[in-house]
């Protein structure tokens, strides 16, 4: 399944009619704790997680697809065991809430979406602090920085997204970097380069309003 189908095509495992509370809300656990039935507690956590995924999916598709997939697995694996579903959903919520700091001081919103693409397409992994070796992580940090600077430079041109030649130039510049001596030997780089380029451009377009600007 594609990343978007994972995020938006999940079965509604628990019926939910309660307005979602942000998973980052300080009073989240207190609000859920007021629910008497364990199924209702599980529903509230599930609804909050789904809402957070929906709000943020376009910003970082790889990351939020991984959360959507984890949610789906919990609902499938522990079907009708509401206590266990609640416990596992709460663990997932905590993981989403307490994500590790970006490696190498990468910008979470501007650069990490590209890092997550490279992590998945090159190493077949979802990033976590122990998913990559130090060498692998350093290589992906360097690749992310270089690709990000190319994207940032090109998309600032007036009318960029309406210009086919401009978009083709961006794709060519990305490919030149991916296939450079520094990165061509990374696993799956040659095989997956076209898909990597497409995904980088897709995320760049979705985040075009935040990439060029400082905080």
C-alpha atoms as a PDB file:
ATOM      1  CA  UNK A   1       0.000   0.000   0.000  1.00  0.00           C
ATOM      2  CA  UNK A   2       1.088   3.572  -0.645  1.00  0.00           C
ATOM      3  CA  UNK A   3       1.862   6.008   2.138  1.00  0.00           C
ATOM      4  CA  UNK A   4      -1.355   7.922   1.492  1.00  0.00           C
ATOM      5  CA  UNK A   5      -3.490   4.806   1.468  1.00  0.00           C
ATOM      6  CA  UNK A   6      -2.056   3.828   4.829  1.00  0.00           C
ATOM      7  CA  UNK A   7      -2.867   7.228   6.270  1.00  0.00           C
ATOM      8  CA  UNK A   8      -6.328   7.669   4.858  1.00  0.00           C
ATOM      9  CA  UNK A   9      -7.520   4.185   3.965  1.00  0.00           C
ATOM     10  CA  UNK A  10      -7.449   2.611   7.395  1.00  0.00           C
ATOM     11  CA  UNK A  11     -10.557   0.844   8.597  1.00  0.00           C
ATOM     12  CA  UNK A  12     -12.248   2.702  11.407  1.00  0.00           C
ATOM     13  CA  UNK A  13     -11.466   0.066  13.977  1.00  0.00           C
ATOM     14  CA  UNK A  14     -13.239   1.821  16.837  1.00  0.00           C
ATOM     15  CA  UNK A  15     -16.422   3.831  16.434  1.00  0.00           C
ATOM     16  CA  UNK A  16     -15.690   7.383  17.495  1.00  0.00           C
ATOM     17  CA  UNK A  17     -18.025  10.336  17.991  1.00  0.00           C
ATOM     18  CA  UNK A  18     -15.887  12.318  20.430  1.00  0.00           C
ATOM     19  CA  UNK A  19     -14.074  15.447  19.252  1.00  0.00           C
ATOM     20  CA  UNK A  20     -10.338  14.592  19.297  1.00  0.00           C
ATOM     21  CA  UNK A  21      -7.989  16.119  21.837  1.00  0.00           C
ATOM     22  CA  UNK A  22      -4.464  16.957  20.708  1.00  0.00           C
ATOM     23  CA  UNK A  23      -1.994  14.200  21.564  1.00  0.00           C
ATOM     24  CA  UNK A  24       0.298  16.957  22.852  1.00  0.00           C
ATOM     25  CA  UNK A  25      -2.327  18.414  25.207  1.00  0.00           C
ATOM     26  CA  UNK A  26      -1.100  18.415  28.817  1.00  0.00           C
ATOM     27  CA  UNK A  27      -4.577  17.379  29.952  1.00  0.00           C
ATOM     28  CA  UNK A  28      -4.912  14.519  27.459  1.00  0.00           C
ATOM     29  CA  UNK A  29      -4.394  11.682  29.939  1.00  0.00           C
ATOM     30  CA  UNK A  30      -6.655  13.362  32.478  1.00  0.00           C
ATOM     31  CA  UNK A  31      -9.438  13.762  29.900  1.00  0.00           C
ATOM     32  CA  UNK A  32      -9.146  10.149  28.763  1.00  0.00           C
ATOM     33  CA  UNK A  33      -9.041   9.001  32.380  1.00  0.00           C
ATOM     34  CA  UNK A  34     -12.495  10.472  32.967  1.00  0.00           C
ATOM     35  CA  UNK A  35     -14.003   7.961  30.523  1.00  0.00           C
ATOM     36  CA  UNK A  36     -15.433   4.982  32.417  1.00  0.00           C
ATOM     37  CA  UNK A  37     -15.419   2.307  29.707  1.00  0.00           C
ATOM     38  CA  UNK A  38     -12.085   1.009  28.444  1.00  0.00           C
ATOM     39  CA  UNK A  39     -13.451   0.903  24.874  1.00  0.00           C
ATOM     40  CA  UNK A  40     -14.269   4.609  25.088  1.00  0.00           C
ATOM     41  CA  UNK A  41     -10.764   5.365  26.375  1.00  0.00           C
ATOM     42  CA  UNK A  42      -9.254   3.403  23.505  1.00  0.00           C
ATOM     43  CA  UNK A  43     -11.522   5.226  21.063  1.00  0.00           C
ATOM     44  CA  UNK A  44     -10.424   8.613  22.343  1.00  0.00           C
ATOM     45  CA  UNK A  45      -6.723   7.791  21.997  1.00  0.00           C
ATOM     46  CA  UNK A  46      -7.271   6.322  18.533  1.00  0.00           C
ATOM     47  CA  UNK A  47      -9.235   9.354  17.402  1.00  0.00           C
ATOM     48  CA  UNK A  48      -6.559  11.757  18.631  1.00  0.00           C
ATOM     49  CA  UNK A  49      -3.822   9.799  16.846  1.00  0.00           C
ATOM     50  CA  UNK A  50      -5.796   9.687  13.590  1.00  0.00           C
ATOM     51  CA  UNK A  51      -6.509  13.411  13.807  1.00  0.00           C
ATOM     52  CA  UNK A  52      -2.813  14.203  14.349  1.00  0.00           C
ATOM     53  CA  UNK A  53      -1.811  12.008  11.386  1.00  0.00           C
ATOM     54  CA  UNK A  54      -4.398  13.646   9.127  1.00  0.00           C
ATOM     55  CA  UNK A  55      -3.258  17.150  10.083  1.00  0.00           C
ATOM     56  CA  UNK A  56       0.441  16.487   9.521  1.00  0.00           C
ATOM     57  CA  UNK A  57       0.585  13.820   6.824  1.00  0.00           C
ATOM     58  CA  UNK A  58       1.370  16.114   3.870  1.00  0.00           C
ATOM     59  CA  UNK A  59       4.216  17.740   5.780  1.00  0.00           C
ATOM     60  CA  UNK A  60       6.160  14.485   6.290  1.00  0.00           C
ATOM     61  CA  UNK A  61       4.464  11.572   4.456  1.00  0.00           C
ATOM     62  CA  UNK A  62       7.050   8.924   5.315  1.00  0.00           C
ATOM     63  CA  UNK A  63       6.971   9.607   9.037  1.00  0.00           C
ATOM     64  CA  UNK A  64       3.206   9.797   9.361  1.00  0.00           C
ATOM     65  CA  UNK A  65       2.647   6.775   7.130  1.00  0.00           C
ATOM     66  CA  UNK A  66       4.749   4.803   9.614  1.00  0.00           C
ATOM     67  CA  UNK A  67       2.515   5.994  12.461  1.00  0.00           C
ATOM     68  CA  UNK A  68      -0.613   5.124  10.465  1.00  0.00           C
ATOM     69  CA  UNK A  69       0.754   1.651   9.791  1.00  0.00           C
ATOM     70  CA  UNK A  70       1.537   1.145  13.488  1.00  0.00           C
ATOM     71  CA  UNK A  71      -2.017   2.185  14.367  1.00  0.00           C
ATOM     72  CA  UNK A  72      -3.483  -0.250  11.876  1.00  0.00           C
ATOM     73  CA  UNK A  73      -1.371  -3.116  13.230  1.00  0.00           C
ATOM     74  CA  UNK A  74      -2.521  -2.473  16.792  1.00  0.00           C
ATOM     75  CA  UNK A  75      -6.193  -2.528  15.819  1.00  0.00           C
ATOM     76  CA  UNK A  76      -5.727  -5.715  13.793  1.00  0.00           C
ATOM     77  CA  UNK A  77      -3.509  -7.575  16.239  1.00  0.00           C
ATOM     78  CA  UNK A  78      -5.583  -6.934  19.375  1.00  0.00           C
ATOM     79  CA  UNK A  79      -9.051  -6.839  17.843  1.00  0.00           C
ATOM     80  CA  UNK A  80     -11.785  -6.665  20.557  1.00  0.00           C
ATOM     81  CA  UNK A  81      -9.189  -6.741  23.358  1.00  0.00           C
ATOM     82  CA  UNK A  82      -9.941  -3.168  24.399  1.00  0.00           C
ATOM     83  CA  UNK A  83      -7.590  -3.080  27.368  1.00  0.00           C
ATOM     84  CA  UNK A  84      -4.639  -4.138  25.250  1.00  0.00           C
ATOM     85  CA  UNK A  85      -5.651  -1.839  22.379  1.00  0.00           C
ATOM     86  CA  UNK A  86      -5.809   1.074  24.813  1.00  0.00           C
ATOM     87  CA  UNK A  87      -2.380   0.249  26.278  1.00  0.00           C
ATOM     88  CA  UNK A  88      -0.718  -0.129  22.860  1.00  0.00           C
ATOM     89  CA  UNK A  89      -2.363   3.012  21.446  1.00  0.00           C
ATOM     90  CA  UNK A  90      -1.146   4.960  24.465  1.00  0.00           C
ATOM     91  CA  UNK A  91       2.408   3.681  23.811  1.00  0.00           C
ATOM     92  CA  UNK A  92       2.096   4.846  20.196  1.00  0.00           C
ATOM     93  CA  UNK A  93       0.812   8.243  21.305  1.00  0.00           C
ATOM     94  CA  UNK A  94       3.775   8.642  23.646  1.00  0.00           C
ATOM     95  CA  UNK A  95       6.153   7.683  20.825  1.00  0.00           C
ATOM     96  CA  UNK A  96       4.603  10.311  18.557  1.00  0.00           C
ATOM     97  CA  UNK A  97       4.646  12.909  21.299  1.00  0.00           C
ATOM     98  CA  UNK A  98       8.249  12.251  22.336  1.00  0.00           C
ATOM     99  CA  UNK A  99       9.995  11.854  18.997  1.00  0.00           C
ATOM    100  CA  UNK A 100      13.798  12.031  19.246  1.00  0.00           C
ATOM    101  CA  UNK A 101      15.529  15.253  18.294  1.00  0.00           C
ATOM    102  CA  UNK A 102      16.471  15.390  14.602  1.00  0.00           C
ATOM    103  CA  UNK A 103      19.977  14.023  13.954  1.00  0.00           C
ATOM    104  CA  UNK A 104      22.728  16.442  13.056  1.00  0.00           C
ATOM    105  CA  UNK A 105      20.611  19.461  13.984  1.00  0.00           C
ATOM    106  CA  UNK A 106      18.453  18.991  10.894  1.00  0.00           C
ATOM    107  CA  UNK A 107      15.332  21.156  10.858  1.00  0.00           C
ATOM    108  CA  UNK A 108      12.345  19.007  11.841  1.00  0.00           C
ATOM    109  CA  UNK A 109       9.835  20.558   9.445  1.00  0.00           C
ATOM    110  CA  UNK A 110      12.077  21.623   6.579  1.00  0.00           C
ATOM    111  CA  UNK A 111      14.728  18.902   6.328  1.00  0.00           C
ATOM    112  CA  UNK A 112      13.512  15.824   8.210  1.00  0.00           C
ATOM    113  CA  UNK A 113      10.835  14.943   5.607  1.00  0.00           C
ATOM    114  CA  UNK A 114      13.672  14.457   3.093  1.00  0.00           C
ATOM    115  CA  UNK A 115      15.770  12.542   5.627  1.00  0.00           C
ATOM    116  CA  UNK A 116      12.854  10.156   6.234  1.00  0.00           C
ATOM    117  CA  UNK A 117      12.533   9.546   2.482  1.00  0.00           C
ATOM    118  CA  UNK A 118      16.220   8.681   2.184  1.00  0.00           C
ATOM    119  CA  UNK A 119      16.100   6.446   5.257  1.00  0.00           C
ATOM    120  CA  UNK A 120      13.225   4.448   3.778  1.00  0.00           C
ATOM    121  CA  UNK A 121      14.310   4.341   0.137  1.00  0.00           C
ATOM    122  CA  UNK A 122      18.016   3.695   0.727  1.00  0.00           C
ATOM    123  CA  UNK A 123      18.058   1.552   3.862  1.00  0.00           C
ATOM    124  CA  UNK A 124      14.453   0.339   3.955  1.00  0.00           C
ATOM    125  CA  UNK A 125      14.073   1.595   7.509  1.00  0.00           C
ATOM    126  CA  UNK A 126      11.844   3.912   9.475  1.00  0.00           C
ATOM    127  CA  UNK A 127      14.102   6.309  11.312  1.00  0.00           C
ATOM    128  CA  UNK A 128      14.660   5.991  15.034  1.00  0.00           C
ATOM    129  CA  UNK A 129      17.700   6.672  17.165  1.00  0.00           C
ATOM    130  CA  UNK A 130      18.945   3.091  16.816  1.00  0.00           C
ATOM    131  CA  UNK A 131      17.736   2.276  13.279  1.00  0.00           C
ATOM    132  CA  UNK A 132      20.947   3.357  11.540  1.00  0.00           C
ATOM    133  CA  UNK A 133      24.633   2.977  12.282  1.00  0.00           C
ATOM    134  CA  UNK A 134      26.560   6.192  12.966  1.00  0.00           C
ATOM    135  CA  UNK A 135      28.120   6.015   9.511  1.00  0.00           C
ATOM    136  CA  UNK A 136      24.753   5.490   7.792  1.00  0.00           C
ATOM    137  CA  UNK A 137      23.204   8.326   9.741  1.00  0.00           C
ATOM    138  CA  UNK A 138      26.059  10.708   8.923  1.00  0.00           C
ATOM    139  CA  UNK A 139      25.788   9.881   5.216  1.00  0.00           C
ATOM    140  CA  UNK A 140      22.053  10.564   5.183  1.00  0.00           C
ATOM    141  CA  UNK A 141      22.515  13.815   7.105  1.00  0.00           C
ATOM    142  CA  UNK A 142      25.016  14.998   4.486  1.00  0.00           C
ATOM    143  CA  UNK A 143      22.741  13.891   1.644  1.00  0.00           C
ATOM    144  CA  UNK A 144      19.750  15.629   3.230  1.00  0.00           C
ATOM    145  CA  UNK A 145      21.636  18.895   3.620  1.00  0.00           C
ATOM    146  CA  UNK A 146      22.841  18.877   0.023  1.00  0.00           C
ATOM    147  CA  UNK A 147      19.462  17.991  -1.485  1.00  0.00           C
ATOM    148  CA  UNK A 148      17.690  20.502   0.738  1.00  0.00           C
ATOM    149  CA  UNK A 149      19.954  23.343  -0.426  1.00  0.00           C
ATOM    150  CA  UNK A 150      19.286  22.428  -4.070  1.00  0.00           C
ATOM    151  CA  UNK A 151      15.535  22.346  -3.475  1.00  0.00           C
ATOM    152  CA  UNK A 152      15.581  25.594  -1.501  1.00  0.00           C
ATOM    153  CA  UNK A 153      17.561  27.416  -4.194  1.00  0.00           C
ATOM    154  CA  UNK A 154      15.467  26.236  -7.127  1.00  0.00           C
ATOM    155  CA  UNK A 155      11.935  26.589  -5.765  1.00  0.00           C
ATOM    156  CA  UNK A 156      12.519  30.240  -4.833  1.00  0.00           C
ATOM    157  CA  UNK A 157      12.534  31.151  -8.525  1.00  0.00           C
ATOM    158  CA  UNK A 158       9.424  33.068  -9.553  1.00  0.00           C
ATOM    159  CA  UNK A 159       6.765  30.792 -11.051  1.00  0.00           C
ATOM    160  CA  UNK A 160       8.850  27.696 -10.383  1.00  0.00           C
ATOM    161  CA  UNK A 161       5.992  25.180 -10.032  1.00  0.00           C
ATOM    162  CA  UNK A 162       4.352  26.360 -13.254  1.00  0.00           C
ATOM    163  CA  UNK A 163       7.580  25.912 -15.241  1.00  0.00           C
ATOM    164  CA  UNK A 164       8.257  22.459 -16.670  1.00  0.00           C
ATOM    165  CA  UNK A 165      11.876  23.352 -17.607  1.00  0.00           C
ATOM    166  CA  UNK A 166      12.485  24.601 -14.053  1.00  0.00           C
ATOM    167  CA  UNK A 167      11.112  21.385 -12.534  1.00  0.00           C
ATOM    168  CA  UNK A 168      13.175  19.292 -14.944  1.00  0.00           C
ATOM    169  CA  UNK A 169      16.284  21.238 -13.943  1.00  0.00           C
ATOM    170  CA  UNK A 170      15.541  20.545 -10.269  1.00  0.00           C
ATOM    171  CA  UNK A 171      15.153  16.814 -10.974  1.00  0.00           C
ATOM    172  CA  UNK A 172      18.428  16.804 -12.912  1.00  0.00           C
ATOM    173  CA  UNK A 173      20.257  18.574 -10.081  1.00  0.00           C
ATOM    174  CA  UNK A 174      18.887  16.107  -7.544  1.00  0.00           C
ATOM    175  CA  UNK A 175      19.920  13.143  -9.692  1.00  0.00           C
ATOM    176  CA  UNK A 176      23.401  14.612 -10.173  1.00  0.00           C
ATOM    177  CA  UNK A 177      23.829  14.680  -6.390  1.00  0.00           C
ATOM    178  CA  UNK A 178      22.320  11.226  -5.798  1.00  0.00           C
ATOM    179  CA  UNK A 179      24.663   9.689  -8.373  1.00  0.00           C
ATOM    180  CA  UNK A 180      27.740  11.651  -7.306  1.00  0.00           C
ATOM    181  CA  UNK A 181      30.799   9.788  -6.046  1.00  0.00           C
ATOM    182  CA  UNK A 182      29.820  10.543  -2.434  1.00  0.00           C
ATOM    183  CA  UNK A 183      26.402   8.885  -2.578  1.00  0.00           C
ATOM    184  CA  UNK A 184      26.132   6.520  -5.549  1.00  0.00           C
ATOM    185  CA  UNK A 185      27.432   3.556  -3.549  1.00  0.00           C
ATOM    186  CA  UNK A 186      24.697   3.819  -0.918  1.00  0.00           C
ATOM    187  CA  UNK A 187      22.373   0.776  -0.945  1.00  0.00           C
ATOM    188  CA  UNK A 188      19.522   0.938  -3.488  1.00  0.00           C
ATOM    189  CA  UNK A 189      20.588   4.401  -4.654  1.00  0.00           C
ATOM    190  CA  UNK A 190      20.885   3.565  -8.349  1.00  0.00           C
ATOM    191  CA  UNK A 191      17.828   1.297  -8.356  1.00  0.00           C
ATOM    192  CA  UNK A 192      15.566   3.698  -6.464  1.00  0.00           C
ATOM    193  CA  UNK A 193      16.878   7.035  -7.743  1.00  0.00           C
ATOM    194  CA  UNK A 194      13.848   7.860  -9.920  1.00  0.00           C
ATOM    195  CA  UNK A 195      11.435   7.149  -7.074  1.00  0.00           C
ATOM    196  CA  UNK A 196      13.578   9.141  -4.649  1.00  0.00           C
ATOM    197  CA  UNK A 197      13.587  12.126  -7.020  1.00  0.00           C
ATOM    198  CA  UNK A 198       9.802  11.962  -7.464  1.00  0.00           C
ATOM    199  CA  UNK A 199       9.219  11.821  -3.722  1.00  0.00           C
ATOM    200  CA  UNK A 200      11.642  14.672  -3.003  1.00  0.00           C
ATOM    201  CA  UNK A 201       9.901  16.896  -5.551  1.00  0.00           C
ATOM    202  CA  UNK A 202       6.480  15.920  -4.195  1.00  0.00           C
ATOM    203  CA  UNK A 203       7.428  16.830  -0.618  1.00  0.00           C
ATOM    204  CA  UNK A 204       9.144  20.018  -1.801  1.00  0.00           C
ATOM    205  CA  UNK A 205       5.931  21.136  -3.497  1.00  0.00           C
ATOM    206  CA  UNK A 206       3.815  20.347  -0.433  1.00  0.00           C
ATOM    207  CA  UNK A 207       6.204  22.281   1.817  1.00  0.00           C
ATOM    208  CA  UNK A 208       7.023  25.085  -0.601  1.00  0.00           C
ATOM    209  CA  UNK A 209       5.631  27.714   1.792  1.00  0.00           C
ATOM    210  CA  UNK A 210       8.049  26.858   4.619  1.00  0.00           C
ATOM    211  CA  UNK A 211      11.259  25.588   2.950  1.00  0.00           C
ATOM    212  CA  UNK A 212      12.692  28.956   1.780  1.00  0.00           C
ATOM    213  CA  UNK A 213      12.091  30.863   5.004  1.00  0.00           C
ATOM    214  CA  UNK A 214      14.000  31.100   8.258  1.00  0.00           C
ATOM    215  CA  UNK A 215      12.230  30.469  11.547  1.00  0.00           C
END
